[in-house]
N, C-alpha and C. Protein backbone atom coordinates (compact mmCIF):
# COMPACT_ATOMS: atom_id res chain seq x y z
N UNK A 1 31.49 92.93 90.52
CA UNK A 1 31.06 91.64 90.43
C UNK A 1 29.47 91.30 90.77
N UNK A 2 29.50 91.97 91.96
CA UNK A 2 27.77 91.64 92.45
C UNK A 2 27.06 92.62 91.55
N UNK A 3 27.42 93.86 91.09
CA UNK A 3 26.67 94.72 90.39
C UNK A 3 26.46 94.03 89.03
N UNK A 4 27.37 93.46 88.31
CA UNK A 4 27.24 92.69 86.97
C UNK A 4 26.08 91.43 87.12
N UNK A 5 26.34 90.87 88.20
CA UNK A 5 25.22 89.49 88.58
C UNK A 5 23.63 90.21 88.58
N UNK A 6 23.61 91.45 89.38
CA UNK A 6 22.47 91.99 89.61
C UNK A 6 21.60 92.51 88.26
N UNK A 7 22.61 93.24 87.20
CA UNK A 7 22.30 93.52 86.24
C UNK A 7 21.86 92.29 85.42
N UNK A 8 22.55 91.42 85.29
CA UNK A 8 22.28 90.15 84.39
C UNK A 8 21.02 89.55 84.81
N UNK A 9 20.50 89.52 86.34
CA UNK A 9 19.48 88.85 86.47
C UNK A 9 18.21 89.74 86.07
N UNK A 10 18.41 91.07 86.47
CA UNK A 10 17.22 92.23 86.10
C UNK A 10 16.99 91.93 84.29
N UNK A 11 18.03 91.88 83.40
CA UNK A 11 17.82 91.70 82.21
C UNK A 11 17.20 90.37 81.95
N UNK A 12 17.55 89.45 82.67
CA UNK A 12 16.97 88.07 82.38
C UNK A 12 15.54 88.14 82.85
N UNK A 13 15.04 88.77 83.95
CA UNK A 13 13.69 88.73 84.17
C UNK A 13 12.95 89.79 83.38
N UNK A 14 13.39 90.67 82.62
CA UNK A 14 12.63 91.45 81.88
C UNK A 14 12.58 90.93 80.30
N UNK A 15 13.62 89.67 80.18
CA UNK A 15 13.38 88.90 78.86
C UNK A 15 12.56 87.77 79.28
N UNK A 16 12.28 87.43 80.44
CA UNK A 16 11.35 86.38 80.54
C UNK A 16 9.79 86.86 80.47
N UNK A 17 9.97 88.10 80.91
CA UNK A 17 8.45 88.68 80.91
C UNK A 17 8.08 89.06 79.57
N UNK A 18 8.92 89.66 78.68
CA UNK A 18 8.67 89.84 77.16
C UNK A 18 8.29 88.51 76.51
N UNK A 19 9.02 87.51 76.91
CA UNK A 19 8.88 86.05 76.30
C UNK A 19 7.40 85.68 76.75
N UNK A 20 6.97 85.81 77.91
CA UNK A 20 5.58 85.39 78.36
C UNK A 20 4.66 86.07 77.65
N UNK A 21 5.01 87.39 77.54
CA UNK A 21 3.78 88.41 76.95
C UNK A 21 3.62 87.78 75.45
N UNK A 22 4.82 87.55 74.70
CA UNK A 22 4.81 87.25 73.36
C UNK A 22 4.08 85.78 73.10
N UNK A 23 4.15 85.14 73.97
CA UNK A 23 3.38 83.73 74.11
C UNK A 23 1.93 83.90 74.23
N UNK A 24 1.49 84.75 75.32
CA UNK A 24 0.31 85.03 75.42
C UNK A 24 -0.21 85.74 74.43
N UNK A 25 0.31 86.51 73.71
CA UNK A 25 -0.09 87.14 72.51
C UNK A 25 -0.41 86.32 71.33
N UNK A 26 0.45 85.34 71.06
CA UNK A 26 0.43 84.27 70.12
C UNK A 26 -0.96 83.38 70.60
N UNK A 27 -0.90 83.07 71.69
CA UNK A 27 -2.38 82.36 72.27
C UNK A 27 -3.64 83.01 71.85
N UNK A 28 -3.48 84.50 72.23
CA UNK A 28 -4.55 85.19 71.98
C UNK A 28 -5.22 85.06 70.60
N UNK A 29 -3.92 85.16 69.52
CA UNK A 29 -4.11 85.28 68.28
C UNK A 29 -4.81 83.77 67.64
N UNK A 30 -4.23 82.93 68.31
CA UNK A 30 -4.39 81.41 67.81
C UNK A 30 -6.10 81.23 68.38
N UNK A 31 -6.57 81.53 69.39
CA UNK A 31 -7.82 81.09 70.04
C UNK A 31 -8.77 82.17 68.83
N UNK A 32 -8.41 83.26 68.57
CA UNK A 32 -9.41 84.03 67.63
C UNK A 32 -9.28 83.17 66.34
N UNK A 33 -8.38 82.94 65.73
CA UNK A 33 -8.15 82.21 64.60
C UNK A 33 -9.13 80.65 64.49
N UNK A 34 -8.72 80.19 65.60
CA UNK A 34 -9.18 78.51 65.60
C UNK A 34 -10.26 78.24 66.65
N UNK A 35 -10.63 79.44 67.66
CA UNK A 35 -11.83 79.13 68.49
C UNK A 35 -11.53 78.52 69.99
N UNK A 36 -11.78 78.77 71.03
CA UNK A 36 -11.30 78.21 72.34
C UNK A 36 -11.40 76.93 72.36
N UNK A 37 -12.52 76.26 71.97
CA UNK A 37 -12.47 74.82 72.00
C UNK A 37 -11.49 74.06 71.19
N UNK A 38 -11.14 74.55 70.28
CA UNK A 38 -10.35 74.00 69.21
C UNK A 38 -8.78 74.22 69.35
N UNK A 39 -8.50 75.19 70.09
CA UNK A 39 -7.03 75.42 70.01
C UNK A 39 -6.27 74.57 70.83
N UNK A 40 -5.14 74.10 70.43
CA UNK A 40 -4.18 73.41 71.51
C UNK A 40 -2.77 73.90 71.51
N UNK A 41 -2.21 73.22 72.62
CA UNK A 41 -0.79 73.72 72.57
C UNK A 41 0.03 73.57 71.50
N UNK A 42 -0.03 72.71 70.61
CA UNK A 42 0.64 72.27 69.48
C UNK A 42 0.18 73.34 68.33
N UNK A 43 -1.01 73.77 68.32
CA UNK A 43 -1.46 74.76 67.36
C UNK A 43 -0.61 76.31 67.79
N UNK A 44 -0.60 76.59 69.53
CA UNK A 44 -0.39 77.72 69.60
C UNK A 44 1.13 77.88 69.68
N UNK A 45 1.79 76.79 69.85
CA UNK A 45 3.33 76.45 69.49
C UNK A 45 3.53 77.02 68.19
N UNK A 46 2.78 76.36 67.40
CA UNK A 46 3.14 76.62 66.03
C UNK A 46 3.12 78.16 65.28
N UNK A 47 2.00 78.71 66.24
CA UNK A 47 1.58 80.11 65.79
C UNK A 47 2.78 80.97 66.40
N UNK A 48 3.52 80.72 67.45
CA UNK A 48 4.41 81.36 68.13
C UNK A 48 5.62 81.05 67.47
N UNK A 49 5.86 80.14 66.93
CA UNK A 49 7.33 79.54 66.24
C UNK A 49 7.98 79.08 67.55
N UNK A 50 7.67 78.40 68.46
CA UNK A 50 8.27 77.80 69.15
C UNK A 50 7.82 76.20 69.52
N UNK A 51 8.71 75.46 70.54
CA UNK A 51 8.19 74.03 70.83
C UNK A 51 7.01 74.12 72.06
N UNK A 52 6.38 72.95 71.87
CA UNK A 52 5.05 72.66 72.68
C UNK A 52 5.83 72.82 74.00
N UNK A 53 7.22 72.10 74.29
CA UNK A 53 7.88 72.22 75.57
C UNK A 53 8.03 73.25 76.20
N UNK A 54 8.11 74.72 75.32
CA UNK A 54 8.43 76.03 75.68
C UNK A 54 7.20 76.14 76.29
N UNK A 55 6.00 76.08 75.77
CA UNK A 55 4.90 76.48 76.49
C UNK A 55 4.41 75.83 77.75
N UNK A 56 4.78 74.67 77.76
CA UNK A 56 4.84 73.56 78.89
C UNK A 56 5.61 74.28 80.07
N UNK A 57 6.95 74.93 79.60
CA UNK A 57 7.76 75.56 80.66
C UNK A 57 7.15 76.51 81.16
N UNK A 58 6.54 77.44 80.64
CA UNK A 58 6.06 78.85 80.90
C UNK A 58 4.71 78.56 81.65
N UNK A 59 3.75 77.82 80.90
CA UNK A 59 2.61 77.85 81.54
C UNK A 59 2.09 76.61 82.07
N UNK A 60 2.67 75.42 81.92
CA UNK A 60 2.48 74.33 82.58
C UNK A 60 1.65 73.27 81.87
N UNK A 61 0.39 73.76 81.62
CA UNK A 61 -0.74 73.13 80.82
C UNK A 61 -1.56 73.97 79.74
N UNK A 62 -2.43 73.54 78.75
CA UNK A 62 -3.27 74.37 77.93
C UNK A 62 -4.05 75.17 78.86
N UNK A 63 -4.59 74.59 79.60
CA UNK A 63 -5.52 75.52 80.75
C UNK A 63 -4.82 76.79 81.51
N UNK A 64 -3.40 76.30 81.78
CA UNK A 64 -2.89 77.37 82.53
C UNK A 64 -2.39 78.56 81.68
N UNK A 65 -2.08 78.00 80.33
CA UNK A 65 -1.97 79.16 79.55
C UNK A 65 -3.15 79.75 78.93
N UNK A 66 -4.12 79.36 78.95
CA UNK A 66 -5.55 80.07 78.56
C UNK A 66 -6.14 81.08 79.66
N UNK A 67 -5.72 80.41 80.88
CA UNK A 67 -6.36 81.40 81.85
C UNK A 67 -5.10 82.35 81.97
N UNK A 68 -3.90 82.38 81.56
CA UNK A 68 -2.97 83.51 81.63
C UNK A 68 -3.57 84.62 80.43
N UNK A 69 -4.07 84.04 79.34
CA UNK A 69 -4.07 84.84 78.33
C UNK A 69 -5.50 85.74 78.88
N UNK A 70 -6.47 85.02 79.37
CA UNK A 70 -7.60 85.82 79.95
C UNK A 70 -7.25 86.92 81.02
N UNK A 71 -6.37 86.52 81.90
CA UNK A 71 -5.71 87.37 82.69
C UNK A 71 -5.05 88.86 82.17
N UNK A 72 -4.61 88.22 81.02
CA UNK A 72 -3.79 89.52 80.40
C UNK A 72 -5.19 90.45 79.72
N UNK A 73 -6.45 90.08 79.55
CA UNK A 73 -7.31 90.75 79.22
C UNK A 73 -7.76 91.73 80.40
N UNK A 74 -7.76 91.41 81.42
CA UNK A 74 -7.96 92.07 82.66
C UNK A 74 -7.03 93.37 82.84
N UNK A 75 -5.76 92.74 82.77
CA UNK A 75 -4.68 93.95 82.93
C UNK A 75 -4.84 94.83 81.71
N UNK A 76 -4.76 94.42 80.45
CA UNK A 76 -4.43 95.38 79.27
C UNK A 76 -5.79 96.18 78.93
N UNK A 77 -7.19 95.55 79.23
CA UNK A 77 -7.93 96.53 79.01
C UNK A 77 -8.16 97.76 79.85
N UNK A 78 -7.94 97.37 81.27
CA UNK A 78 -7.97 98.42 82.38
C UNK A 78 -6.78 99.36 82.20
N UNK A 79 -5.70 98.97 81.67
CA UNK A 79 -4.47 99.93 81.35
C UNK A 79 -4.91 100.71 80.37
N UNK A 80 -5.52 100.28 79.04
CA UNK A 80 -5.55 100.81 77.94
C UNK A 80 -6.75 102.00 78.32
N UNK A 81 -7.84 101.41 78.93
CA UNK A 81 -8.79 102.53 79.21
C UNK A 81 -8.20 103.73 79.93
N UNK A 82 -7.46 103.45 80.97
CA UNK A 82 -7.00 104.47 81.99
C UNK A 82 -5.88 105.33 81.23
N UNK A 83 -5.07 104.87 80.24
CA UNK A 83 -4.39 105.61 79.63
C UNK A 83 -5.20 106.58 78.66
N UNK A 84 -6.17 106.04 78.19
CA UNK A 84 -7.09 106.88 77.02
C UNK A 84 -7.69 108.08 78.11
N UNK A 85 -8.21 107.88 79.20
CA UNK A 85 -8.92 108.82 80.27
C UNK A 85 -7.72 109.97 80.68
N UNK A 86 -6.57 109.27 81.04
CA UNK A 86 -5.67 110.25 81.45
C UNK A 86 -5.45 111.07 80.45
N UNK A 87 -5.26 110.76 79.07
CA UNK A 87 -4.74 111.57 78.08
C UNK A 87 -5.98 112.82 77.72
N UNK A 88 -7.00 112.71 78.14
CA UNK A 88 -7.93 113.40 77.84
C UNK A 88 -7.86 114.71 78.76
N UNK A 89 -8.06 116.07 78.63
CA UNK A 89 -7.97 117.11 79.27
C UNK A 89 -9.49 117.92 79.80
N UNK A 90 -10.43 117.21 79.34
CA UNK A 90 -11.63 117.84 79.77
C UNK A 90 -12.76 116.82 79.83
N UNK A 91 -13.93 116.83 80.43
CA UNK A 91 -14.88 115.96 80.83
C UNK A 91 -15.33 115.31 79.40
N UNK A 92 -15.75 116.22 78.64
CA UNK A 92 -16.27 115.76 77.12
C UNK A 92 -14.89 114.83 76.63
N UNK A 93 -13.80 115.34 76.65
CA UNK A 93 -12.44 114.48 76.23
C UNK A 93 -12.65 113.22 76.54
N UNK A 94 -12.72 113.08 78.08
CA UNK A 94 -12.86 111.71 78.88
C UNK A 94 -13.93 110.75 78.16
N UNK A 95 -14.99 111.45 77.90
CA UNK A 95 -16.06 110.60 77.42
C UNK A 95 -16.07 110.11 75.90
N UNK A 96 -15.23 111.14 75.07
CA UNK A 96 -14.86 110.68 73.93
C UNK A 96 -13.87 109.73 73.93
N UNK A 97 -12.82 109.65 74.73
CA UNK A 97 -11.88 108.85 74.73
C UNK A 97 -12.30 107.44 75.24
N UNK A 98 -13.09 107.48 76.18
CA UNK A 98 -13.90 106.24 76.84
C UNK A 98 -14.32 105.50 75.62
N UNK A 99 -15.29 106.15 74.77
CA UNK A 99 -15.88 105.64 73.45
C UNK A 99 -14.94 104.92 72.63
N UNK A 100 -13.85 105.91 72.15
CA UNK A 100 -13.10 105.38 71.26
C UNK A 100 -12.22 104.15 71.60
N UNK A 101 -12.05 104.20 73.05
CA UNK A 101 -11.29 102.77 73.61
C UNK A 101 -12.18 101.80 73.45
N UNK A 102 -13.48 101.87 73.41
CA UNK A 102 -14.36 100.35 73.62
C UNK A 102 -14.47 100.15 72.14
N UNK A 103 -14.29 100.95 71.05
CA UNK A 103 -14.38 100.57 69.79
C UNK A 103 -13.09 101.22 69.18
N UNK A 104 -12.02 100.72 69.37
CA UNK A 104 -10.67 101.21 68.95
C UNK A 104 -10.28 101.40 67.61
N UNK A 105 -10.49 99.99 66.71
CA UNK A 105 -10.23 99.89 65.26
C UNK A 105 -10.98 98.58 64.84
N UNK A 106 -11.58 98.39 63.69
CA UNK A 106 -12.43 97.70 63.45
C UNK A 106 -11.78 96.46 63.53
N UNK A 107 -10.55 95.99 63.19
CA UNK A 107 -9.89 94.73 63.44
C UNK A 107 -9.95 94.30 64.59
N UNK A 108 -9.15 95.21 65.73
CA UNK A 108 -9.04 94.87 66.98
C UNK A 108 -10.28 94.97 67.83
N UNK A 109 -11.34 95.45 67.76
CA UNK A 109 -12.54 95.24 68.10
C UNK A 109 -13.07 94.09 67.86
N UNK A 110 -12.96 93.59 66.60
CA UNK A 110 -13.61 92.50 66.23
C UNK A 110 -12.97 90.99 67.18
N UNK A 111 -11.55 91.39 66.90
CA UNK A 111 -10.72 90.27 67.33
C UNK A 111 -11.14 90.21 68.85
N UNK A 112 -11.19 91.48 69.59
CA UNK A 112 -11.09 91.39 71.10
C UNK A 112 -12.39 90.38 71.44
N UNK A 113 -13.69 90.94 70.87
CA UNK A 113 -14.98 90.58 71.28
C UNK A 113 -15.26 89.34 70.78
N UNK A 114 -14.44 88.74 69.74
CA UNK A 114 -14.68 87.15 69.27
C UNK A 114 -14.18 86.32 70.11
N UNK A 115 -12.92 86.80 70.85
CA UNK A 115 -11.96 86.06 71.86
C UNK A 115 -13.01 85.92 73.00
N UNK A 116 -13.28 87.25 73.50
CA UNK A 116 -14.02 87.50 74.81
C UNK A 116 -15.26 86.57 74.92
N UNK A 117 -16.04 86.60 73.88
CA UNK A 117 -17.50 85.75 73.78
C UNK A 117 -17.16 84.45 73.91
N UNK A 118 -16.12 83.97 73.15
CA UNK A 118 -15.69 82.54 73.27
C UNK A 118 -15.27 82.12 74.51
N UNK A 119 -14.47 83.08 75.25
CA UNK A 119 -13.88 82.72 76.48
C UNK A 119 -15.10 82.64 77.52
N UNK A 120 -16.16 83.51 77.26
CA UNK A 120 -17.13 83.92 78.22
C UNK A 120 -17.88 82.66 78.20
N UNK A 121 -18.38 81.99 76.92
CA UNK A 121 -19.16 80.72 76.98
C UNK A 121 -18.36 79.62 77.66
N UNK A 122 -17.03 79.58 77.56
CA UNK A 122 -16.19 78.60 78.14
C UNK A 122 -16.15 78.48 79.61
N UNK A 123 -16.16 79.87 80.04
CA UNK A 123 -15.81 80.04 81.45
C UNK A 123 -17.34 79.43 82.31
N UNK A 124 -18.58 79.26 81.66
CA UNK A 124 -19.57 78.79 82.36
C UNK A 124 -19.37 77.34 82.73
N UNK A 125 -18.34 76.74 82.08
CA UNK A 125 -18.05 75.36 82.59
C UNK A 125 -16.62 75.17 83.11
N UNK A 126 -15.83 76.52 83.54
CA UNK A 126 -14.58 76.03 83.95
C UNK A 126 -14.43 77.22 85.18
N UNK A 127 -14.53 76.48 86.38
CA UNK A 127 -14.33 77.51 87.39
C UNK A 127 -13.17 78.46 87.39
N UNK A 128 -12.03 78.09 86.89
CA UNK A 128 -10.73 78.94 86.95
C UNK A 128 -11.07 80.11 85.83
N UNK A 129 -11.49 79.87 84.76
CA UNK A 129 -11.83 80.96 83.65
C UNK A 129 -12.96 81.85 84.38
N UNK A 130 -13.81 81.36 85.03
CA UNK A 130 -15.18 82.20 85.67
C UNK A 130 -14.34 83.06 86.60
N UNK A 131 -13.41 82.64 87.20
CA UNK A 131 -12.66 83.57 88.33
C UNK A 131 -12.21 84.78 87.66
N UNK A 132 -11.63 84.38 86.39
CA UNK A 132 -10.79 85.48 85.61
C UNK A 132 -11.80 86.44 85.17
N UNK A 133 -13.11 85.79 84.60
CA UNK A 133 -14.19 86.58 84.01
C UNK A 133 -14.73 87.52 85.18
N UNK A 134 -15.00 87.00 86.30
CA UNK A 134 -15.40 87.84 87.40
C UNK A 134 -14.60 88.92 87.56
N UNK A 135 -13.26 88.92 87.74
CA UNK A 135 -12.41 89.97 87.89
C UNK A 135 -12.19 90.91 86.84
N UNK A 136 -12.42 90.57 85.54
CA UNK A 136 -12.71 91.42 84.45
C UNK A 136 -14.03 91.91 84.81
N UNK A 137 -15.00 91.47 84.88
CA UNK A 137 -16.26 92.29 85.10
C UNK A 137 -16.14 93.41 86.27
N UNK A 138 -15.56 93.03 87.31
CA UNK A 138 -15.22 93.87 88.54
C UNK A 138 -14.15 94.97 88.17
N UNK A 139 -13.39 94.82 87.37
CA UNK A 139 -12.59 95.80 86.94
C UNK A 139 -13.06 96.63 85.84
N UNK A 140 -13.77 96.49 84.92
CA UNK A 140 -14.56 97.13 84.08
C UNK A 140 -15.65 98.07 84.82
N UNK A 141 -15.97 97.47 85.84
CA UNK A 141 -17.10 98.11 86.64
C UNK A 141 -16.50 99.28 87.18
N UNK A 142 -15.25 99.17 87.95
CA UNK A 142 -14.55 100.04 88.67
C UNK A 142 -14.28 101.14 87.52
N UNK A 143 -13.96 100.86 86.49
CA UNK A 143 -13.65 101.97 85.68
C UNK A 143 -14.83 102.67 84.86
N UNK A 144 -15.96 102.06 84.77
CA UNK A 144 -17.20 102.80 84.56
C UNK A 144 -17.58 103.81 85.60
N UNK A 145 -17.26 103.30 86.92
CA UNK A 145 -17.89 103.97 87.97
C UNK A 145 -16.88 105.31 87.88
N UNK A 146 -15.71 105.14 87.59
CA UNK A 146 -14.73 106.32 87.70
C UNK A 146 -15.16 107.38 86.28
N UNK A 147 -15.40 106.83 85.34
CA UNK A 147 -16.11 107.89 84.19
C UNK A 147 -17.33 108.67 84.82
N UNK A 148 -18.28 107.78 85.34
CA UNK A 148 -19.39 108.39 85.98
C UNK A 148 -19.13 109.62 86.91
N UNK A 149 -18.14 109.26 87.75
CA UNK A 149 -17.90 110.15 88.81
C UNK A 149 -17.25 111.48 88.26
N UNK A 150 -16.40 111.33 87.22
CA UNK A 150 -16.12 112.65 86.42
C UNK A 150 -16.87 113.30 85.75
N UNK A 151 -17.99 112.73 85.48
CA UNK A 151 -18.99 113.21 83.91
C UNK A 151 -20.29 113.70 84.71
N UNK A 152 -20.68 112.84 85.52
CA UNK A 152 -22.43 112.88 85.95
C UNK A 152 -22.71 113.08 87.14
N UNK A 153 -23.23 114.15 87.75
CA UNK A 153 -23.95 114.52 88.95
C UNK A 153 -25.35 114.01 89.07
N UNK A 154 -25.88 113.89 87.74
CA UNK A 154 -27.18 113.34 87.86
C UNK A 154 -27.21 111.78 88.35
N UNK A 155 -26.03 111.27 88.03
CA UNK A 155 -25.87 109.79 88.24
C UNK A 155 -25.66 109.50 89.95
N UNK A 156 -25.21 110.23 90.65
CA UNK A 156 -24.72 110.33 91.78
C UNK A 156 -25.49 109.49 92.90
N UNK A 157 -26.52 109.70 92.70
CA UNK A 157 -27.75 108.76 93.55
C UNK A 157 -27.59 107.27 93.28
N UNK A 158 -27.40 107.12 92.08
CA UNK A 158 -27.38 105.61 91.76
C UNK A 158 -26.21 105.13 90.64
N UNK A 159 -25.00 105.37 91.21
CA UNK A 159 -23.86 105.13 90.39
C UNK A 159 -23.70 103.78 89.72
N UNK A 160 -23.98 102.73 90.87
CA UNK A 160 -23.87 101.36 90.23
C UNK A 160 -24.90 100.97 89.35
N UNK A 161 -26.19 101.56 89.42
CA UNK A 161 -27.03 101.19 88.35
C UNK A 161 -26.67 101.76 87.21
N UNK A 162 -26.24 103.00 87.10
CA UNK A 162 -25.85 103.71 85.78
C UNK A 162 -24.61 102.72 85.38
N UNK A 163 -23.55 102.56 86.08
CA UNK A 163 -22.32 101.65 85.57
C UNK A 163 -22.83 100.53 84.74
N UNK A 164 -23.73 99.66 85.44
CA UNK A 164 -24.35 98.51 84.79
C UNK A 164 -25.07 98.56 83.44
N UNK A 165 -25.97 99.73 83.43
CA UNK A 165 -26.72 100.20 82.16
C UNK A 165 -25.54 100.48 81.27
N UNK A 166 -24.39 101.25 81.56
CA UNK A 166 -23.48 101.67 80.76
C UNK A 166 -22.70 100.59 80.10
N UNK A 167 -22.41 99.66 80.90
CA UNK A 167 -21.87 98.40 80.39
C UNK A 167 -22.69 97.46 79.49
N UNK A 168 -24.02 97.54 79.84
CA UNK A 168 -24.97 96.75 79.05
C UNK A 168 -25.01 97.33 77.42
N UNK A 169 -24.89 98.66 77.78
CA UNK A 169 -24.98 99.48 76.23
C UNK A 169 -23.59 98.90 75.35
N UNK A 170 -22.48 98.97 76.03
CA UNK A 170 -21.35 98.88 75.18
C UNK A 170 -21.28 97.43 74.77
N UNK A 171 -21.66 96.13 75.57
CA UNK A 171 -21.75 94.93 75.36
C UNK A 171 -22.89 94.58 74.31
N UNK A 172 -23.77 95.34 74.28
CA UNK A 172 -24.95 95.14 73.34
C UNK A 172 -24.54 95.46 72.17
N UNK A 173 -23.84 96.69 71.93
CA UNK A 173 -23.26 97.39 70.59
C UNK A 173 -22.13 96.53 70.23
N UNK A 174 -21.54 95.93 70.92
CA UNK A 174 -20.09 95.16 70.51
C UNK A 174 -20.68 93.71 70.05
N UNK A 175 -21.50 93.20 70.38
CA UNK A 175 -22.25 91.79 69.82
C UNK A 175 -22.85 92.28 68.44
N UNK A 176 -23.75 93.32 68.51
CA UNK A 176 -24.07 93.84 67.13
C UNK A 176 -22.97 93.98 66.23
N UNK A 177 -21.66 94.75 66.75
CA UNK A 177 -20.62 94.96 65.88
C UNK A 177 -20.03 93.51 65.24
N UNK A 178 -20.21 92.35 66.09
CA UNK A 178 -19.51 91.18 65.55
C UNK A 178 -20.34 90.57 64.60
N UNK A 179 -21.80 90.93 64.51
CA UNK A 179 -22.68 90.39 63.46
C UNK A 179 -22.69 91.26 62.28
N UNK A 180 -22.26 92.44 62.30
CA UNK A 180 -22.36 93.36 61.13
C UNK A 180 -21.21 93.13 59.93
N UNK A 181 -21.78 92.70 58.82
CA UNK A 181 -20.64 92.13 57.88
C UNK A 181 -19.67 93.27 57.33
N UNK A 182 -20.04 94.45 57.55
CA UNK A 182 -19.27 95.66 57.27
C UNK A 182 -19.56 96.80 58.23
N UNK A 183 -18.92 96.64 59.43
CA UNK A 183 -19.29 97.44 60.54
C UNK A 183 -18.47 98.66 60.30
N UNK A 184 -19.14 100.05 60.44
CA UNK A 184 -18.55 101.39 60.31
C UNK A 184 -18.15 101.83 61.73
N UNK A 185 -16.97 101.99 62.07
CA UNK A 185 -16.36 102.24 63.36
C UNK A 185 -16.91 103.56 63.87
N UNK A 186 -17.04 104.61 63.02
CA UNK A 186 -17.68 105.94 63.40
C UNK A 186 -19.01 105.61 63.75
N UNK A 187 -19.80 104.85 63.14
CA UNK A 187 -21.00 104.50 63.46
C UNK A 187 -21.36 104.19 64.81
N UNK A 188 -20.54 102.90 65.05
CA UNK A 188 -20.79 102.63 66.34
C UNK A 188 -20.13 103.43 67.53
N UNK A 189 -19.22 104.28 67.20
CA UNK A 189 -18.78 105.09 68.23
C UNK A 189 -19.89 106.23 68.39
N UNK A 190 -20.70 106.65 67.43
CA UNK A 190 -21.76 107.71 67.49
C UNK A 190 -22.80 107.24 68.32
N UNK A 191 -23.15 105.85 68.26
CA UNK A 191 -24.31 105.14 68.83
C UNK A 191 -23.86 104.95 70.37
N UNK A 192 -22.68 104.63 70.51
CA UNK A 192 -22.24 104.60 71.94
C UNK A 192 -22.28 105.71 72.53
N UNK A 193 -21.72 106.82 71.92
CA UNK A 193 -21.59 108.05 72.50
C UNK A 193 -22.94 108.83 73.07
N UNK A 194 -24.01 108.61 71.90
CA UNK A 194 -25.28 109.09 72.20
C UNK A 194 -25.84 108.57 73.30
N UNK A 195 -25.78 107.11 73.35
CA UNK A 195 -26.29 106.41 74.38
C UNK A 195 -25.86 106.74 75.77
N UNK A 196 -24.68 107.03 75.86
CA UNK A 196 -23.93 107.48 77.16
C UNK A 196 -24.55 108.45 77.59
N UNK A 197 -24.34 109.59 76.74
CA UNK A 197 -24.97 110.77 77.09
C UNK A 197 -26.52 110.72 77.58
N UNK A 198 -27.23 109.83 76.96
CA UNK A 198 -28.64 109.69 77.41
C UNK A 198 -28.63 109.27 78.93
N UNK A 199 -27.83 108.05 79.01
CA UNK A 199 -27.90 107.47 80.12
C UNK A 199 -27.34 108.23 81.55
N UNK A 200 -26.31 109.36 81.11
CA UNK A 200 -25.68 110.16 82.02
C UNK A 200 -26.42 111.39 82.25
N UNK A 201 -27.36 111.82 81.51
CA UNK A 201 -28.08 113.02 81.40
C UNK A 201 -27.25 114.13 81.05
N UNK A 202 -26.49 113.90 79.90
CA UNK A 202 -25.45 114.73 79.30
C UNK A 202 -25.87 115.52 78.13
N UNK A 203 -25.40 116.50 77.70
CA UNK A 203 -25.65 117.17 76.51
C UNK A 203 -24.33 117.06 75.59
N UNK A 204 -24.30 117.16 74.17
CA UNK A 204 -23.09 117.02 73.60
C UNK A 204 -22.28 118.33 73.83
N UNK A 205 -21.15 118.46 74.13
CA UNK A 205 -19.96 119.17 74.26
C UNK A 205 -20.32 119.87 76.00
N UNK A 206 -21.09 118.95 76.79
CA UNK A 206 -21.25 119.36 77.95
C UNK A 206 -19.69 119.25 78.74
N UNK A 207 -19.61 120.17 79.69
CA UNK A 207 -18.38 120.19 80.62
C UNK A 207 -18.30 119.18 81.49
N UNK A 208 -19.48 118.98 81.85
CA UNK A 208 -19.57 118.12 83.12
C UNK A 208 -18.83 118.77 84.47
N UNK A 209 -18.47 117.78 85.29
CA UNK A 209 -17.46 117.91 86.38
C UNK A 209 -16.11 118.44 86.10
N UNK A 210 -15.36 119.32 86.70
CA UNK A 210 -14.08 119.50 86.29
C UNK A 210 -13.28 118.09 86.47
N UNK A 211 -12.30 117.95 85.55
CA UNK A 211 -11.41 116.70 85.50
C UNK A 211 -10.67 116.84 86.94
N UNK A 212 -10.11 115.23 87.00
CA UNK A 212 -9.29 115.30 88.06
C UNK A 212 -7.84 115.45 87.62
N UNK A 213 -6.92 115.76 88.42
CA UNK A 213 -5.48 115.78 87.81
C UNK A 213 -5.16 114.77 86.99
N UNK A 214 -4.36 114.75 86.01
CA UNK A 214 -4.06 113.61 85.20
C UNK A 214 -2.71 113.69 84.72
N UNK A 215 -2.12 112.55 84.32
CA UNK A 215 -0.99 112.42 84.12
C UNK A 215 -0.93 112.62 82.57
N UNK A 216 0.02 113.37 81.90
CA UNK A 216 0.06 113.67 80.54
C UNK A 216 1.42 112.81 79.84
N UNK A 217 0.99 112.52 78.60
CA UNK A 217 2.32 112.01 77.82
C UNK A 217 2.30 110.50 77.43
N UNK A 218 1.44 109.81 77.99
CA UNK A 218 1.42 108.32 77.86
C UNK A 218 0.64 108.25 76.52
N UNK A 219 0.99 107.40 75.57
CA UNK A 219 0.50 106.84 74.32
C UNK A 219 -0.28 105.71 74.32
N UNK A 220 -1.53 105.81 73.73
CA UNK A 220 -2.45 104.64 73.55
C UNK A 220 -1.88 103.69 72.58
N UNK A 221 -2.24 102.53 72.92
CA UNK A 221 -1.63 101.66 71.60
C UNK A 221 -2.74 100.33 71.94
N UNK A 222 -2.90 99.65 70.84
CA UNK A 222 -3.78 98.71 70.79
C UNK A 222 -2.81 97.26 71.29
N UNK A 223 -3.18 97.12 72.63
CA UNK A 223 -2.26 96.00 73.36
C UNK A 223 -3.06 94.61 73.11
N UNK A 224 -4.26 94.60 72.45
CA UNK A 224 -4.41 93.17 72.08
C UNK A 224 -4.65 92.98 70.55
């Protein structure tokens, strides 16, 4: 009997997490389609196929839901990047995986940076959102430092500076991607790859430092 109760609770918790994830995903898509300023709980509920009360039950307020969506950004981007880097077996492979993860697919890249820039603008007037934004910046900085540590002995004297330059390159190309009426994914990947090699003092096909031990078998997916 006790075992049955524990299993039921565990299944319940899993279902609750899955439900929250589905609602956050629906809110993310609603923000993309309608804009951060214009999106409402009613519109998100309609997008998710649930009642407004369901959203209130899980997140309390519109602001609570939108903060949860932005926190999801931090988790999913970090997890996706780390998965991509772990799948690579050579330093060159890590660099390529990193670039491919920044420009994953035309639709998902456009969707992500549209929502992100909308969120960034809103966070300048909202302390809770700015806290999430700062956490996102810190997490991406850690990931950029990890990449640099694996690839570039030349950047060892100023890793933080190189990491900021690396991120500026990625963000700058992403803004240009959004304004491009017909972005070619491979062209942006090539621009990013060439820029990173220049920043890190690498040549095409370089082996760089030996890779750290990695876990194999994980699959990348478009989590946003």
